[in-house]
Amino acid sequence: MASWSEFAADEPRLADGIRHLMQQYGPGFGYLATVRADGGPRVHPVSPVITDEGLFCFVVDSPKRRDLERDGRYALHSFPPEDSDDEAYVAGHARPVTDQARVARLAEIGRAAPQVDWRLFEFTVDVAMLARRGDAGTVRPGEATDRPAVQVWLDPGAADAAGTASGGGAVGVPDRRSALGGRGAHRAAA
């Protein structure tokens, strides 16, 4: 499981593109998918905090927090931009941050209200994806569009832990991988 900073060091342009979409309206804004106790998905709007130190989220006492405490798997998707159909996606595992100095520093950065019952989670990155579709205003309804430019980064450690030897990959991690350089496996489509 790679930290955001490890992912960003390996793929800085991809990480910058994802950060831009997650923070396009100022503070982070996206949709967090968690796993309910019955195994089904649950989706919530959240405000992720992305720093050079990592990818974090303050989560109040709620079903999503209980999901993360019970089963740390998550997926985070950017909020749609107003001027394009671009999208960013990361998935991995959430783990609580217990270092109080780190929590305080990130609470200040993320403007987390001290009187609220929240917990800070750090999100590891097993897979990261950025799709660029260009200006949505140039396409009229019913017209064919060009395929999006898609970049995918897969953490090789996550793929190994998912048991790919048995033929199955982790949830959200494609089975086919082609190394195009860097630490992680990459796939680009245009």
C-alpha atoms as a PDB file:
ATOM      1  CA  MET A   1       0.000   0.000   0.000  1.00  0.00           C
ATOM      2  CA  ALA A   2       1.582   3.200  -1.189  1.00  0.00           C
ATOM      3  CA  SER A   3       1.127   6.491   0.590  1.00  0.00           C
ATOM      4  CA  TRP A   4       0.002   9.496  -1.446  1.00  0.00           C
ATOM      5  CA  SER A   5       3.530  10.907  -1.197  1.00  0.00           C
ATOM      6  CA  GLU A   6       5.030   7.661  -2.571  1.00  0.00           C
ATOM      7  CA  PHE A   7       2.529   7.682  -5.431  1.00  0.00           C
ATOM      8  CA  ALA A   8       3.184  11.387  -6.108  1.00  0.00           C
ATOM      9  CA  ALA A   9       6.951  10.821  -6.130  1.00  0.00           C
ATOM     10  CA  ASP A  10       6.509   8.031  -8.686  1.00  0.00           C
ATOM     11  CA  GLU A  11       3.948   9.833 -10.894  1.00  0.00           C
ATOM     12  CA  PRO A  12       4.100  13.586 -10.134  1.00  0.00           C
ATOM     13  CA  ARG A  13       2.110  14.741 -13.191  1.00  0.00           C
ATOM     14  CA  LEU A  14      -0.665  12.233 -12.567  1.00  0.00           C
ATOM     15  CA  ALA A  15      -0.782  13.151  -8.866  1.00  0.00           C
ATOM     16  CA  ASP A  16      -0.921  16.880  -9.753  1.00  0.00           C
ATOM     17  CA  GLY A  17      -3.815  16.262 -12.143  1.00  0.00           C
ATOM     18  CA  ILE A  18      -5.736  14.318  -9.510  1.00  0.00           C
ATOM     19  CA  ARG A  19      -5.001  16.927  -6.845  1.00  0.00           C
ATOM     20  CA  HIS A  20      -6.202  19.678  -9.181  1.00  0.00           C
ATOM     21  CA  LEU A  21      -9.553  17.962  -9.774  1.00  0.00           C
ATOM     22  CA  MET A  22     -10.038  17.123  -6.085  1.00  0.00           C
ATOM     23  CA  GLN A  23      -9.268  20.743  -5.106  1.00  0.00           C
ATOM     24  CA  GLN A  24     -10.791  22.553  -8.091  1.00  0.00           C
ATOM     25  CA  TYR A  25     -13.285  24.441  -5.887  1.00  0.00           C
ATOM     26  CA  GLY A  26     -10.771  25.387  -3.179  1.00  0.00           C
ATOM     27  CA  PRO A  27     -10.811  22.877  -0.344  1.00  0.00           C
ATOM     28  CA  GLY A  28     -11.001  19.252  -1.413  1.00  0.00           C
ATOM     29  CA  PHE A  29     -14.329  17.954  -2.621  1.00  0.00           C
ATOM     30  CA  GLY A  30     -15.203  14.469  -3.814  1.00  0.00           C
ATOM     31  CA  TYR A  31     -17.301  11.365  -3.308  1.00  0.00           C
ATOM     32  CA  LEU A  32     -16.110   8.671  -0.925  1.00  0.00           C
ATOM     33  CA  ALA A  33     -17.266   5.090  -1.446  1.00  0.00           C
ATOM     34  CA  THR A  34     -17.014   2.735   1.540  1.00  0.00           C
ATOM     35  CA  VAL A  35     -18.087  -0.852   2.191  1.00  0.00           C
ATOM     36  CA  ARG A  36     -21.189  -1.377   4.353  1.00  0.00           C
ATOM     37  CA  ALA A  37     -21.331  -4.211   6.905  1.00  0.00           C
ATOM     38  CA  ASP A  38     -23.435  -6.262   4.475  1.00  0.00           C
ATOM     39  CA  GLY A  39     -20.769  -5.842   1.769  1.00  0.00           C
ATOM     40  CA  GLY A  40     -22.709  -3.308  -0.282  1.00  0.00           C
ATOM     41  CA  PRO A  41     -21.364   0.093  -1.357  1.00  0.00           C
ATOM     42  CA  ARG A  42     -22.074   3.392   0.373  1.00  0.00           C
ATOM     43  CA  VAL A  43     -21.249   6.807  -1.168  1.00  0.00           C
ATOM     44  CA  HIS A  44     -20.742  10.095   0.702  1.00  0.00           C
ATOM     45  CA  PRO A  45     -19.591  13.604  -0.196  1.00  0.00           C
ATOM     46  CA  VAL A  46     -16.346  14.458   1.622  1.00  0.00           C
ATOM     47  CA  SER A  47     -13.606  17.074   1.726  1.00  0.00           C
ATOM     48  CA  PRO A  48     -10.285  15.275   1.295  1.00  0.00           C
ATOM     49  CA  VAL A  49      -7.105  17.026   2.385  1.00  0.00           C
ATOM     50  CA  ILE A  50      -4.147  16.505   0.058  1.00  0.00           C
ATOM     51  CA  THR A  51      -0.720  17.656   1.205  1.00  0.00           C
ATOM     52  CA  ASP A  52       2.846  16.663   0.376  1.00  0.00           C
ATOM     53  CA  GLU A  53       2.516  14.460   3.462  1.00  0.00           C
ATOM     54  CA  GLY A  54      -0.423  12.412   2.196  1.00  0.00           C
ATOM     55  CA  LEU A  55      -4.109  12.060   1.323  1.00  0.00           C
ATOM     56  CA  PHE A  56      -6.375  12.499   4.348  1.00  0.00           C
ATOM     57  CA  CYS A  57     -10.003  12.901   5.288  1.00  0.00           C
ATOM     58  CA  PHE A  58     -11.673  14.087   8.494  1.00  0.00           C
ATOM     59  CA  VAL A  59     -14.704  11.871   9.065  1.00  0.00           C
ATOM     60  CA  VAL A  60     -17.432  12.675  11.600  1.00  0.00           C
ATOM     61  CA  ASP A  61     -19.254   9.999  13.606  1.00  0.00           C
ATOM     62  CA  SER A  62     -21.363   8.481  10.839  1.00  0.00           C
ATOM     63  CA  PRO A  63     -22.005   5.289   8.885  1.00  0.00           C
ATOM     64  CA  LYS A  64     -19.030   6.097   6.618  1.00  0.00           C
ATOM     65  CA  ARG A  65     -16.701   6.326   9.625  1.00  0.00           C
ATOM     66  CA  ARG A  66     -17.959   3.013  10.986  1.00  0.00           C
ATOM     67  CA  ASP A  67     -17.428   1.523   7.511  1.00  0.00           C
ATOM     68  CA  LEU A  68     -13.821   2.743   7.454  1.00  0.00           C
ATOM     69  CA  GLU A  69     -13.153   1.547  11.005  1.00  0.00           C
ATOM     70  CA  ARG A  70     -14.537  -1.914  10.218  1.00  0.00           C
ATOM     71  CA  ASP A  71     -13.271  -2.358   6.637  1.00  0.00           C
ATOM     72  CA  GLY A  72     -10.780   0.247   5.485  1.00  0.00           C
ATOM     73  CA  ARG A  73     -11.337  -0.200   1.751  1.00  0.00           C
ATOM     74  CA  TYR A  74     -12.361   3.008   0.018  1.00  0.00           C
ATOM     75  CA  ALA A  75     -12.668   4.680  -3.372  1.00  0.00           C
ATOM     76  CA  LEU A  76     -12.572   8.451  -3.813  1.00  0.00           C
ATOM     77  CA  HIS A  77     -13.893  10.169  -6.935  1.00  0.00           C
ATOM     78  CA  SER A  78     -13.605  13.837  -7.848  1.00  0.00           C
ATOM     79  CA  PHE A  79     -16.601  16.130  -8.107  1.00  0.00           C
ATOM     80  CA  PRO A  80     -17.403  16.846 -11.776  1.00  0.00           C
ATOM     81  CA  PRO A  81     -15.880  20.046 -13.166  1.00  0.00           C
ATOM     82  CA  GLU A  82     -18.228  22.643 -14.651  1.00  0.00           C
ATOM     83  CA  ASP A  83     -16.328  22.983 -17.938  1.00  0.00           C
ATOM     84  CA  SER A  84     -15.399  19.374 -18.804  1.00  0.00           C
ATOM     85  CA  ASP A  85     -16.109  15.736 -18.119  1.00  0.00           C
ATOM     86  CA  ASP A  86     -12.657  15.130 -16.615  1.00  0.00           C
ATOM     87  CA  GLU A  87     -12.519  12.813 -13.630  1.00  0.00           C
ATOM     88  CA  ALA A  88     -10.073  11.580 -11.011  1.00  0.00           C
ATOM     89  CA  TYR A  89     -10.279   8.419  -8.926  1.00  0.00           C
ATOM     90  CA  VAL A  90      -8.130   6.841  -6.220  1.00  0.00           C
ATOM     91  CA  ALA A  91      -8.747   3.673  -4.234  1.00  0.00           C
ATOM     92  CA  GLY A  92      -6.955   1.866  -1.445  1.00  0.00           C
ATOM     93  CA  HIS A  93      -7.215   1.503   2.303  1.00  0.00           C
ATOM     94  CA  ALA A  94      -7.967   4.035   5.035  1.00  0.00           C
ATOM     95  CA  ARG A  95      -6.160   3.932   8.336  1.00  0.00           C
ATOM     96  CA  PRO A  96      -6.725   6.132  11.389  1.00  0.00           C
ATOM     97  CA  VAL A  97      -4.065   8.735  12.163  1.00  0.00           C
ATOM     98  CA  THR A  98      -3.131   8.538  15.845  1.00  0.00           C
ATOM     99  CA  ASP A  99      -0.129  10.884  16.011  1.00  0.00           C
ATOM    100  CA  GLN A 100      -1.689  13.911  17.774  1.00  0.00           C
ATOM    101  CA  ALA A 101       0.869  16.386  16.415  1.00  0.00           C
ATOM    102  CA  ARG A 102       0.099  15.248  12.872  1.00  0.00           C
ATOM    103  CA  VAL A 103      -3.659  15.401  13.561  1.00  0.00           C
ATOM    104  CA  ALA A 104      -3.340  18.965  14.896  1.00  0.00           C
ATOM    105  CA  ARG A 105      -1.234  20.091  11.935  1.00  0.00           C
ATOM    106  CA  LEU A 106      -3.693  18.632   9.410  1.00  0.00           C
ATOM    107  CA  ALA A 107      -6.716  19.957  11.348  1.00  0.00           C
ATOM    108  CA  GLU A 108      -5.298  23.449  10.904  1.00  0.00           C
ATOM    109  CA  ILE A 109      -4.650  22.894   7.188  1.00  0.00           C
ATOM    110  CA  GLY A 110      -8.083  21.312   6.639  1.00  0.00           C
ATOM    111  CA  ARG A 111      -9.862  23.801   8.928  1.00  0.00           C
ATOM    112  CA  ALA A 112     -11.428  20.935  10.898  1.00  0.00           C
ATOM    113  CA  ALA A 113     -13.609  22.306  13.685  1.00  0.00           C
ATOM    114  CA  PRO A 114     -12.191  21.197  17.058  1.00  0.00           C
ATOM    115  CA  GLN A 115     -15.619  20.844  18.727  1.00  0.00           C
ATOM    116  CA  VAL A 116     -16.817  18.204  16.211  1.00  0.00           C
ATOM    117  CA  ASP A 117     -16.474  14.460  16.862  1.00  0.00           C
ATOM    118  CA  TRP A 118     -14.291  13.591  13.869  1.00  0.00           C
ATOM    119  CA  ARG A 119     -11.420  11.212  13.267  1.00  0.00           C
ATOM    120  CA  LEU A 120      -8.616  11.693  10.796  1.00  0.00           C
ATOM    121  CA  PHE A 121      -7.926   8.921   8.289  1.00  0.00           C
ATOM    122  CA  GLU A 122      -5.004   8.620   5.904  1.00  0.00           C
ATOM    123  CA  PHE A 123      -5.827   7.022   2.565  1.00  0.00           C
ATOM    124  CA  THR A 124      -3.253   4.801   0.909  1.00  0.00           C
ATOM    125  CA  VAL A 125      -3.233   4.599  -2.879  1.00  0.00           C
ATOM    126  CA  ASP A 126      -3.524   1.182  -4.524  1.00  0.00           C
ATOM    127  CA  VAL A 127      -4.868   2.585  -7.798  1.00  0.00           C
ATOM    128  CA  ALA A 128      -5.085   6.111  -9.209  1.00  0.00           C
ATOM    129  CA  MET A 129      -6.831   7.153 -12.404  1.00  0.00           C
ATOM    130  CA  LEU A 130      -7.181  10.400 -14.300  1.00  0.00           C
ATOM    131  CA  ALA A 131      -9.420  10.742 -17.374  1.00  0.00           C
ATOM    132  CA  ARG A 132      -9.247  13.875 -19.506  1.00  0.00           C
ATOM    133  CA  ARG A 133     -12.077  14.413 -21.959  1.00  0.00           C
ATOM    134  CA  GLY A 134     -11.494  18.017 -22.919  1.00  0.00           C
ATOM    135  CA  ASP A 135     -14.019  20.834 -23.112  1.00  0.00           C
ATOM    136  CA  ALA A 136     -17.573  19.489 -22.697  1.00  0.00           C
ATOM    137  CA  GLY A 137     -18.924  22.667 -24.296  1.00  0.00           C
ATOM    138  CA  THR A 138     -17.552  21.718 -27.730  1.00  0.00           C
ATOM    139  CA  VAL A 139     -19.643  18.543 -28.038  1.00  0.00           C
ATOM    140  CA  ARG A 140     -23.326  18.696 -28.917  1.00  0.00           C
ATOM    141  CA  PRO A 141     -25.775  16.035 -27.736  1.00  0.00           C
ATOM    142  CA  GLY A 142     -25.777  13.047 -30.091  1.00  0.00           C
ATOM    143  CA  GLU A 143     -22.330  13.815 -31.533  1.00  0.00           C
ATOM    144  CA  ALA A 144     -19.562  11.264 -31.240  1.00  0.00           C
ATOM    145  CA  THR A 145     -16.751  12.241 -28.910  1.00  0.00           C
ATOM    146  CA  ASP A 146     -13.129  11.259 -28.930  1.00  0.00           C
ATOM    147  CA  ARG A 147     -12.104   8.657 -26.414  1.00  0.00           C
ATOM    148  CA  PRO A 148     -10.785  10.165 -23.197  1.00  0.00           C
ATOM    149  CA  ALA A 149      -7.087  10.218 -22.419  1.00  0.00           C
ATOM    150  CA  VAL A 150      -6.804   7.912 -19.416  1.00  0.00           C
ATOM    151  CA  GLN A 151      -3.842   7.407 -17.109  1.00  0.00           C
ATOM    152  CA  VAL A 152      -3.868   4.636 -14.507  1.00  0.00           C
ATOM    153  CA  TRP A 153      -1.268   3.960 -11.821  1.00  0.00           C
ATOM    154  CA  LEU A 154      -1.298   0.686  -9.889  1.00  0.00           C
ATOM    155  CA  ASP A 155       0.750   0.095  -6.764  1.00  0.00           C
ATOM    156  CA  PRO A 156       2.628  -3.167  -7.383  1.00  0.00           C
ATOM    157  CA  GLY A 157       2.545  -3.935  -3.645  1.00  0.00           C
ATOM    158  CA  ALA A 158      -1.262  -3.786  -3.649  1.00  0.00           C
ATOM    159  CA  ALA A 159      -1.476  -6.088  -6.641  1.00  0.00           C
ATOM    160  CA  ASP A 160       0.764  -8.644  -4.904  1.00  0.00           C
ATOM    161  CA  ALA A 161      -1.293  -8.447  -1.706  1.00  0.00           C
ATOM    162  CA  ALA A 162      -4.534  -8.911  -3.666  1.00  0.00           C
ATOM    163  CA  GLY A 163      -3.574 -12.411  -4.660  1.00  0.00           C
ATOM    164  CA  THR A 164      -3.170 -11.873  -8.371  1.00  0.00           C
ATOM    165  CA  ALA A 165      -1.461 -15.251  -8.559  1.00  0.00           C
ATOM    166  CA  SER A 166      -4.900 -16.792  -8.052  1.00  0.00           C
ATOM    167  CA  GLY A 167      -6.189 -14.801 -11.023  1.00  0.00           C
ATOM    168  CA  GLY A 168      -8.138 -12.145  -9.119  1.00  0.00           C
ATOM    169  CA  GLY A 169      -7.183  -8.560  -8.520  1.00  0.00           C
ATOM    170  CA  ALA A 170      -8.151  -6.178  -5.749  1.00  0.00           C
ATOM    171  CA  VAL A 171     -11.468  -4.404  -6.029  1.00  0.00           C
ATOM    172  CA  GLY A 172     -11.015  -1.483  -8.412  1.00  0.00           C
ATOM    173  CA  VAL A 173      -7.646  -2.760  -9.644  1.00  0.00           C
ATOM    174  CA  PRO A 174      -7.641  -4.012 -13.249  1.00  0.00           C
ATOM    175  CA  ASP A 175      -6.087  -7.448 -13.765  1.00  0.00           C
ATOM    176  CA  ARG A 176      -4.028  -6.449 -16.805  1.00  0.00           C
ATOM    177  CA  ARG A 177      -0.878  -4.494 -16.074  1.00  0.00           C
ATOM    178  CA  SER A 178       1.846  -3.163 -18.306  1.00  0.00           C
ATOM    179  CA  ALA A 179       4.879  -1.455 -16.868  1.00  0.00           C
ATOM    180  CA  LEU A 180       5.743   1.736 -18.720  1.00  0.00           C
ATOM    181  CA  GLY A 181       8.378   2.952 -16.295  1.00  0.00           C
ATOM    182  CA  GLY A 182       8.316   4.205 -12.732  1.00  0.00           C
ATOM    183  CA  ARG A 183       7.572   2.209  -9.592  1.00  0.00           C
ATOM    184  CA  GLY A 184       3.936   1.359 -10.341  1.00  0.00           C
ATOM    185  CA  ALA A 185       2.328  -0.305 -13.304  1.00  0.00           C
ATOM    186  CA  HIS A 186       0.755   2.116 -15.759  1.00  0.00           C
ATOM    187  CA  ARG A 187      -1.833   2.049 -18.485  1.00  0.00           C
ATOM    188  CA  ALA A 188      -2.558   4.904 -20.794  1.00  0.00           C
ATOM    189  CA  ALA A 189      -5.284   5.040 -23.403  1.00  0.00           C
ATOM    190  CA  ALA A 190      -5.906   7.834 -25.853  1.00  0.00           C
END
